Amino acid sequence: KSGAEAGAAAADGGLSALVTAVAQAAREALGR
């Protein structure tokens, strides 16, 4: 869910920006 929320905010930057934001947010959520 954290990854998906970050992806929605980054979608306008293109697919690369989207998946990078998704993966980063998921890793941060994993730490929590």
PDB file of all heavy atoms in Angstrom:
ATOM      1  N   LYS A   1       0.833  -1.210   0.000  1.00  0.00           N
ATOM      2  CA  LYS A   1       0.000   0.000   0.000  1.00  0.00           C
ATOM      3  C   LYS A   1       0.863   1.255   0.000  1.00  0.00           C
ATOM      4  O   LYS A   1       0.584   2.213  -0.738  1.00  0.00           O
ATOM      5  CB  LYS A   1      -0.919  -0.002   1.220  1.00  0.00           C
ATOM      6  CG  LYS A   1      -1.818   1.232   1.302  1.00  0.00           C
ATOM      7  CD  LYS A   1      -2.796   1.139   2.455  1.00  0.00           C
ATOM      8  CE  LYS A   1      -2.085   1.290   3.784  1.00  0.00           C
ATOM      9  NZ  LYS A   1      -3.043   1.359   4.928  1.00  0.00           N
ATOM     10  N   SER A   2       1.928   1.272   0.795  1.00  0.00           N
ATOM     11  CA  SER A   2       2.819   2.433   0.823  1.00  0.00           C
ATOM     12  C   SER A   2       3.471   2.655  -0.537  1.00  0.00           C
ATOM     13  O   SER A   2       3.595   3.789  -1.010  1.00  0.00           O
ATOM     14  CB  SER A   2       3.892   2.245   1.894  1.00  0.00           C
ATOM     15  OG  SER A   2       3.328   2.226   3.188  1.00  0.00           O
ATOM     16  N   GLY A   3       3.879   1.562  -1.178  1.00  0.00           N
ATOM     17  CA  GLY A   3       4.454   1.678  -2.505  1.00  0.00           C
ATOM     18  C   GLY A   3       3.470   2.219  -3.513  1.00  0.00           C
ATOM     19  O   GLY A   3       3.806   3.093  -4.332  1.00  0.00           O
ATOM     20  N   ALA A   4       2.220   1.730  -3.450  1.00  0.00           N
ATOM     21  CA  ALA A   4       1.193   2.183  -4.391  1.00  0.00           C
ATOM     22  C   ALA A   4       0.879   3.660  -4.208  1.00  0.00           C
ATOM     23  O   ALA A   4       0.692   4.398  -5.182  1.00  0.00           O
ATOM     24  CB  ALA A   4      -0.068   1.340  -4.214  1.00  0.00           C
ATOM     25  N   GLU A   5       0.841   4.105  -2.955  1.00  0.00           N
ATOM     26  CA  GLU A   5       0.552   5.520  -2.707  1.00  0.00           C
ATOM     27  C   GLU A   5       1.658   6.413  -3.261  1.00  0.00           C
ATOM     28  O   GLU A   5       1.391   7.470  -3.835  1.00  0.00           O
ATOM     29  CB  GLU A   5       0.373   5.734  -1.203  1.00  0.00           C
ATOM     30  CG  GLU A   5      -0.917   5.118  -0.665  1.00  0.00           C
ATOM     31  CD  GLU A   5      -1.002   5.159   0.858  1.00  0.00           C
ATOM     32  OE1 GLU A   5       0.031   5.477   1.493  1.00  0.00           O
ATOM     33  OE2 GLU A   5      -2.086   4.880   1.394  1.00  0.00           O
ATOM     34  N   ALA A   6       2.898   5.989  -3.092  1.00  0.00           N
ATOM     35  CA  ALA A   6       4.007   6.773  -3.637  1.00  0.00           C
ATOM     36  C   ALA A   6       3.986   6.767  -5.155  1.00  0.00           C
ATOM     37  O   ALA A   6       4.313   7.771  -5.803  1.00  0.00           O
ATOM     38  CB  ALA A   6       5.334   6.210  -3.123  1.00  0.00           C
ATOM     39  N   GLY A   7       3.611   5.650  -5.749  1.00  0.00           N
ATOM     40  CA  GLY A   7       3.550   5.559  -7.202  1.00  0.00           C
ATOM     41  C   GLY A   7       2.523   6.493  -7.797  1.00  0.00           C
ATOM     42  O   GLY A   7       2.749   7.095  -8.853  1.00  0.00           O
ATOM     43  N   ALA A   8       1.394   6.635  -7.126  1.00  0.00           N
ATOM     44  CA  ALA A   8       0.344   7.521  -7.624  1.00  0.00           C
ATOM     45  C   ALA A   8       0.838   8.963  -7.695  1.00  0.00           C
ATOM     46  O   ALA A   8       0.525   9.703  -8.640  1.00  0.00           O
ATOM     47  CB  ALA A   8      -0.884   7.424  -6.724  1.00  0.00           C
ATOM     48  N   ALA A   9       1.645   9.361  -6.714  1.00  0.00           N
ATOM     49  CA  ALA A   9       2.160  10.734  -6.689  1.00  0.00           C
ATOM     50  C   ALA A   9       3.234  10.975  -7.744  1.00  0.00           C
ATOM     51  O   ALA A   9       3.481  12.120  -8.138  1.00  0.00           O
ATOM     52  CB  ALA A   9       2.716  11.045  -5.301  1.00  0.00           C
ATOM     53  N   ALA A  10       3.875   9.899  -8.212  1.00  0.00           N
ATOM     54  CA  ALA A  10       4.988  10.047  -9.158  1.00  0.00           C
ATOM     55  C   ALA A  10       4.624   9.671 -10.583  1.00  0.00           C
ATOM     56  O   ALA A  10       5.481   9.720 -11.468  1.00  0.00           O
ATOM     57  CB  ALA A  10       6.168   9.187  -8.693  1.00  0.00           C
ATOM     58  N   ALA A  11       3.372   9.299 -10.826  1.00  0.00           N
ATOM     59  CA  ALA A  11       2.992   8.755 -12.132  1.00  0.00           C
ATOM     60  C   ALA A  11       3.195   9.726 -13.272  1.00  0.00           C
ATOM     61  O   ALA A  11       3.490   9.322 -14.406  1.00  0.00           O
ATOM     62  CB  ALA A  11       1.528   8.289 -12.086  1.00  0.00           C
ATOM     63  N   ASP A  12       3.057  11.022 -13.007  1.00  0.00           N
ATOM     64  CA  ASP A  12       3.196  12.005 -14.087  1.00  0.00           C
ATOM     65  C   ASP A  12       4.628  12.125 -14.583  1.00  0.00           C
ATOM     66  O   ASP A  12       4.879  12.686 -15.648  1.00  0.00           O
ATOM     67  CB  ASP A  12       2.707  13.378 -13.613  1.00  0.00           C
ATOM     68  CG  ASP A  12       1.197  13.408 -13.415  1.00  0.00           C
ATOM     69  OD1 ASP A  12       0.513  12.515 -13.971  1.00  0.00           O
ATOM     70  OD2 ASP A  12       0.706  14.297 -12.687  1.00  0.00           O
ATOM     71  N   GLY A  13       5.587  11.593 -13.834  1.00  0.00           N
ATOM     72  CA  GLY A  13       6.984  11.687 -14.240  1.00  0.00           C
ATOM     73  C   GLY A  13       7.436  10.576 -15.159  1.00  0.00           C
ATOM     74  O   GLY A  13       8.611  10.517 -15.534  1.00  0.00           O
ATOM     75  N   GLY A  14       6.542   9.664 -15.512  1.00  0.00           N
ATOM     76  CA  GLY A  14       6.893   8.564 -16.395  1.00  0.00           C
ATOM     77  C   GLY A  14       7.035   7.257 -15.632  1.00  0.00           C
ATOM     78  O   GLY A  14       7.040   7.215 -14.394  1.00  0.00           O
ATOM     79  N   LEU A  15       7.166   6.164 -16.380  1.00  0.00           N
ATOM     80  CA  LEU A  15       7.183   4.839 -15.768  1.00  0.00           C
ATOM     81  C   LEU A  15       8.409   4.629 -14.889  1.00  0.00           C
ATOM     82  O   LEU A  15       8.320   4.040 -13.810  1.00  0.00           O
ATOM     83  CB  LEU A  15       7.122   3.765 -16.858  1.00  0.00           C
ATOM     84  CG  LEU A  15       6.919   2.330 -16.379  1.00  0.00           C
ATOM     85  CD1 LEU A  15       5.621   2.186 -15.588  1.00  0.00           C
ATOM     86  CD2 LEU A  15       6.924   1.353 -17.566  1.00  0.00           C
ATOM     87  N   SER A  16       9.565   5.121 -15.309  1.00  0.00           N
ATOM     88  CA  SER A  16      10.779   4.954 -14.513  1.00  0.00           C
ATOM     89  C   SER A  16      10.655   5.659 -13.169  1.00  0.00           C
ATOM     90  O   SER A  16      11.017   5.102 -12.117  1.00  0.00           O
ATOM     91  CB  SER A  16      12.004   5.476 -15.263  1.00  0.00           C
ATOM     92  OG  SER A  16      12.295   4.670 -16.390  1.00  0.00           O
ATOM     93  N   ALA A  17      10.170   6.895 -13.196  1.00  0.00           N
ATOM     94  CA  ALA A  17       9.993   7.638 -11.947  1.00  0.00           C
ATOM     95  C   ALA A  17       8.975   6.952 -11.049  1.00  0.00           C
ATOM     96  O   ALA A  17       9.131   6.897  -9.823  1.00  0.00           O
ATOM     97  CB  ALA A  17       9.559   9.074 -12.251  1.00  0.00           C
ATOM     98  N   LEU A  18       7.923   6.418 -11.677  1.00  0.00           N
ATOM     99  CA  LEU A  18       6.877   5.741 -10.900  1.00  0.00           C
ATOM    100  C   LEU A  18       7.425   4.522 -10.171  1.00  0.00           C
ATOM    101  O   LEU A  18       7.267   4.385  -8.947  1.00  0.00           O
ATOM    102  CB  LEU A  18       5.742   5.332 -11.845  1.00  0.00           C
ATOM    103  CG  LEU A  18       4.480   4.696 -11.240  1.00  0.00           C
ATOM    104  CD1 LEU A  18       3.307   4.877 -12.179  1.00  0.00           C
ATOM    105  CD2 LEU A  18       4.650   3.195 -10.969  1.00  0.00           C
ATOM    106  N   VAL A  19       8.083   3.609 -10.886  1.00  0.00           N
ATOM    107  CA  VAL A  19       8.532   2.365 -10.255  1.00  0.00           C
ATOM    108  C   VAL A  19       9.642   2.623  -9.250  1.00  0.00           C
ATOM    109  O   VAL A  19       9.764   1.913  -8.243  1.00  0.00           O
ATOM    110  CB  VAL A  19       8.972   1.328 -11.309  1.00  0.00           C
ATOM    111  CG1 VAL A  19       7.798   0.940 -12.201  1.00  0.00           C
ATOM    112  CG2 VAL A  19      10.153   1.817 -12.137  1.00  0.00           C
ATOM    113  N   THR A  20      10.452   3.665  -9.489  1.00  0.00           N
ATOM    114  CA  THR A  20      11.489   4.017  -8.523  1.00  0.00           C
ATOM    115  C   THR A  20      10.864   4.493  -7.224  1.00  0.00           C
ATOM    116  O   THR A  20      11.295   4.101  -6.123  1.00  0.00           O
ATOM    117  CB  THR A  20      12.415   5.105  -9.105  1.00  0.00           C
ATOM    118  OG1 THR A  20      13.049   4.594 -10.281  1.00  0.00           O
ATOM    119  CG2 THR A  20      13.470   5.528  -8.093  1.00  0.00           C
ATOM    120  N   ALA A  21       9.839   5.334  -7.330  1.00  0.00           N
ATOM    121  CA  ALA A  21       9.150   5.828  -6.131  1.00  0.00           C
ATOM    122  C   ALA A  21       8.447   4.688  -5.401  1.00  0.00           C
ATOM    123  O   ALA A  21       8.450   4.626  -4.162  1.00  0.00           O
ATOM    124  CB  ALA A  21       8.139   6.909  -6.527  1.00  0.00           C
ATOM    125  N   VAL A  22       7.830   3.787  -6.149  1.00  0.00           N
ATOM    126  CA  VAL A  22       7.135   2.647  -5.547  1.00  0.00           C
ATOM    127  C   VAL A  22       8.101   1.781  -4.753  1.00  0.00           C
ATOM    128  O   VAL A  22       7.854   1.428  -3.593  1.00  0.00           O
ATOM    129  CB  VAL A  22       6.435   1.810  -6.640  1.00  0.00           C
ATOM    130  CG1 VAL A  22       5.957   0.463  -6.072  1.00  0.00           C
ATOM    131  CG2 VAL A  22       5.250   2.572  -7.217  1.00  0.00           C
ATOM    132  N   ALA A  23       9.216   1.424  -5.377  1.00  0.00           N
ATOM    133  CA  ALA A  23      10.173   0.539  -4.723  1.00  0.00           C
ATOM    134  C   ALA A  23      10.796   1.199  -3.491  1.00  0.00           C
ATOM    135  O   ALA A  23      10.966   0.556  -2.446  1.00  0.00           O
ATOM    136  CB  ALA A  23      11.266   0.123  -5.712  1.00  0.00           C
ATOM    137  N   GLN A  24      11.123   2.486  -3.605  1.00  0.00           N
ATOM    138  CA  GLN A  24      11.729   3.192  -2.472  1.00  0.00           C
ATOM    139  C   GLN A  24      10.756   3.276  -1.302  1.00  0.00           C
ATOM    140  O   GLN A  24      11.123   3.032  -0.144  1.00  0.00           O
ATOM    141  CB  GLN A  24      12.161   4.591  -2.906  1.00  0.00           C
ATOM    142  CG  GLN A  24      12.741   5.453  -1.774  1.00  0.00           C
ATOM    143  CD  GLN A  24      14.005   4.877  -1.176  1.00  0.00           C
ATOM    144  OE1 GLN A  24      14.791   4.236  -1.877  1.00  0.00           O
ATOM    145  NE2 GLN A  24      14.196   5.087   0.121  1.00  0.00           N
ATOM    146  N   ALA A  25       9.506   3.640  -1.576  1.00  0.00           N
ATOM    147  CA  ALA A  25       8.513   3.757  -0.505  1.00  0.00           C
ATOM    148  C   ALA A  25       8.251   2.399   0.147  1.00  0.00           C
ATOM    149  O   ALA A  25       8.039   2.316   1.360  1.00  0.00           O
ATOM    150  CB  ALA A  25       7.218   4.335  -1.065  1.00  0.00           C
ATOM    151  N   ALA A  26       8.259   1.349  -0.644  1.00  0.00           N
ATOM    152  CA  ALA A  26       8.045   0.011  -0.084  1.00  0.00           C
ATOM    153  C   ALA A  26       9.186  -0.371   0.849  1.00  0.00           C
ATOM    154  O   ALA A  26       8.966  -0.952   1.926  1.00  0.00           O
ATOM    155  CB  ALA A  26       7.907  -1.010  -1.212  1.00  0.00           C
ATOM    156  N   ARG A  27      10.424  -0.048   0.448  1.00  0.00           N
ATOM    157  CA  ARG A  27      11.562  -0.351   1.322  1.00  0.00           C
ATOM    158  C   ARG A  27      11.484   0.422   2.636  1.00  0.00           C
ATOM    159  O   ARG A  27      11.789  -0.110   3.708  1.00  0.00           O
ATOM    160  CB  ARG A  27      12.883  -0.049   0.602  1.00  0.00           C
ATOM    161  CG  ARG A  27      13.208  -1.026  -0.519  1.00  0.00           C
ATOM    162  CD  ARG A  27      14.648  -0.847  -1.003  1.00  0.00           C
ATOM    163  NE  ARG A  27      14.862   0.430  -1.675  1.00  0.00           N
ATOM    164  CZ  ARG A  27      14.670   0.646  -2.975  1.00  0.00           C
ATOM    165  NH1 ARG A  27      14.241  -0.338  -3.755  1.00  0.00           N
ATOM    166  NH2 ARG A  27      14.914   1.838  -3.508  1.00  0.00           N
ATOM    167  N   GLU A  28      11.048   1.663   2.552  1.00  0.00           N
ATOM    168  CA  GLU A  28      10.894   2.454   3.778  1.00  0.00           C
ATOM    169  C   GLU A  28       9.780   1.884   4.652  1.00  0.00           C
ATOM    170  O   GLU A  28       9.917   1.820   5.891  1.00  0.00           O
ATOM    171  CB  GLU A  28      10.606   3.903   3.415  1.00  0.00           C
ATOM    172  CG  GLU A  28      11.779   4.597   2.735  1.00  0.00           C
ATOM    173  CD  GLU A  28      11.432   5.972   2.202  1.00  0.00           C
ATOM    174  OE1 GLU A  28      10.238   6.356   2.310  1.00  0.00           O
ATOM    175  OE2 GLU A  28      12.329   6.661   1.670  1.00  0.00           O
ATOM    176  N   ALA A  29       8.691   1.457   4.026  1.00  0.00           N
ATOM    177  CA  ALA A  29       7.594   0.847   4.789  1.00  0.00           C
ATOM    178  C   ALA A  29       8.033  -0.456   5.432  1.00  0.00           C
ATOM    179  O   ALA A  29       7.622  -0.794   6.549  1.00  0.00           O
ATOM    180  CB  ALA A  29       6.396   0.615   3.868  1.00  0.00           C
ATOM    181  N   LEU A  30       8.877  -1.203   4.722  1.00  0.00           N
ATOM    182  CA  LEU A  30       9.399  -2.451   5.292  1.00  0.00           C
ATOM    183  C   LEU A  30      10.182  -2.161   6.576  1.00  0.00           C
ATOM    184  O   LEU A  30      10.041  -2.886   7.570  1.00  0.00           O
ATOM    185  CB  LEU A  30      10.303  -3.151   4.270  1.00  0.00           C
ATOM    186  CG  LEU A  30      10.978  -4.434   4.741  1.00  0.00           C
ATOM    187  CD1 LEU A  30       9.952  -5.517   5.024  1.00  0.00           C
ATOM    188  CD2 LEU A  30      11.991  -4.918   3.713  1.00  0.00           C
ATOM    189  N   GLY A  31      10.993  -1.115   6.571  1.00  0.00           N
ATOM    190  CA  GLY A  31      11.749  -0.764   7.763  1.00  0.00           C
ATOM    191  C   GLY A  31      10.856  -0.435   8.944  1.00  0.00           C
ATOM    192  O   GLY A  31      11.218  -0.692  10.103  1.00  0.00           O
ATOM    193  N   ARG A  32       9.662   0.114   8.667  1.00  0.00           N
ATOM    194  CA  ARG A  32       8.749   0.468   9.763  1.00  0.00           C
ATOM    195  C   ARG A  32       8.039  -0.735  10.359  1.00  0.00           C
ATOM    196  O   ARG A  32       7.487  -0.653  11.459  1.00  0.00           O
ATOM    197  CB  ARG A  32       7.706   1.482   9.264  1.00  0.00           C
ATOM    198  CG  ARG A  32       8.294   2.825   8.864  1.00  0.00           C
ATOM    199  CD  ARG A  32       7.195   3.862   8.668  1.00  0.00           C
ATOM    200  NE  ARG A  32       6.336   3.558   7.515  1.00  0.00           N
ATOM    201  CZ  ARG A  32       6.549   3.994   6.287  1.00  0.00           C
ATOM    202  NH1 ARG A  32       7.639   4.705   6.017  1.00  0.00           N
ATOM    203  NH2 ARG A  32       5.710   3.700   5.314  1.00  0.00           N
TER     204      ARG A  32
END
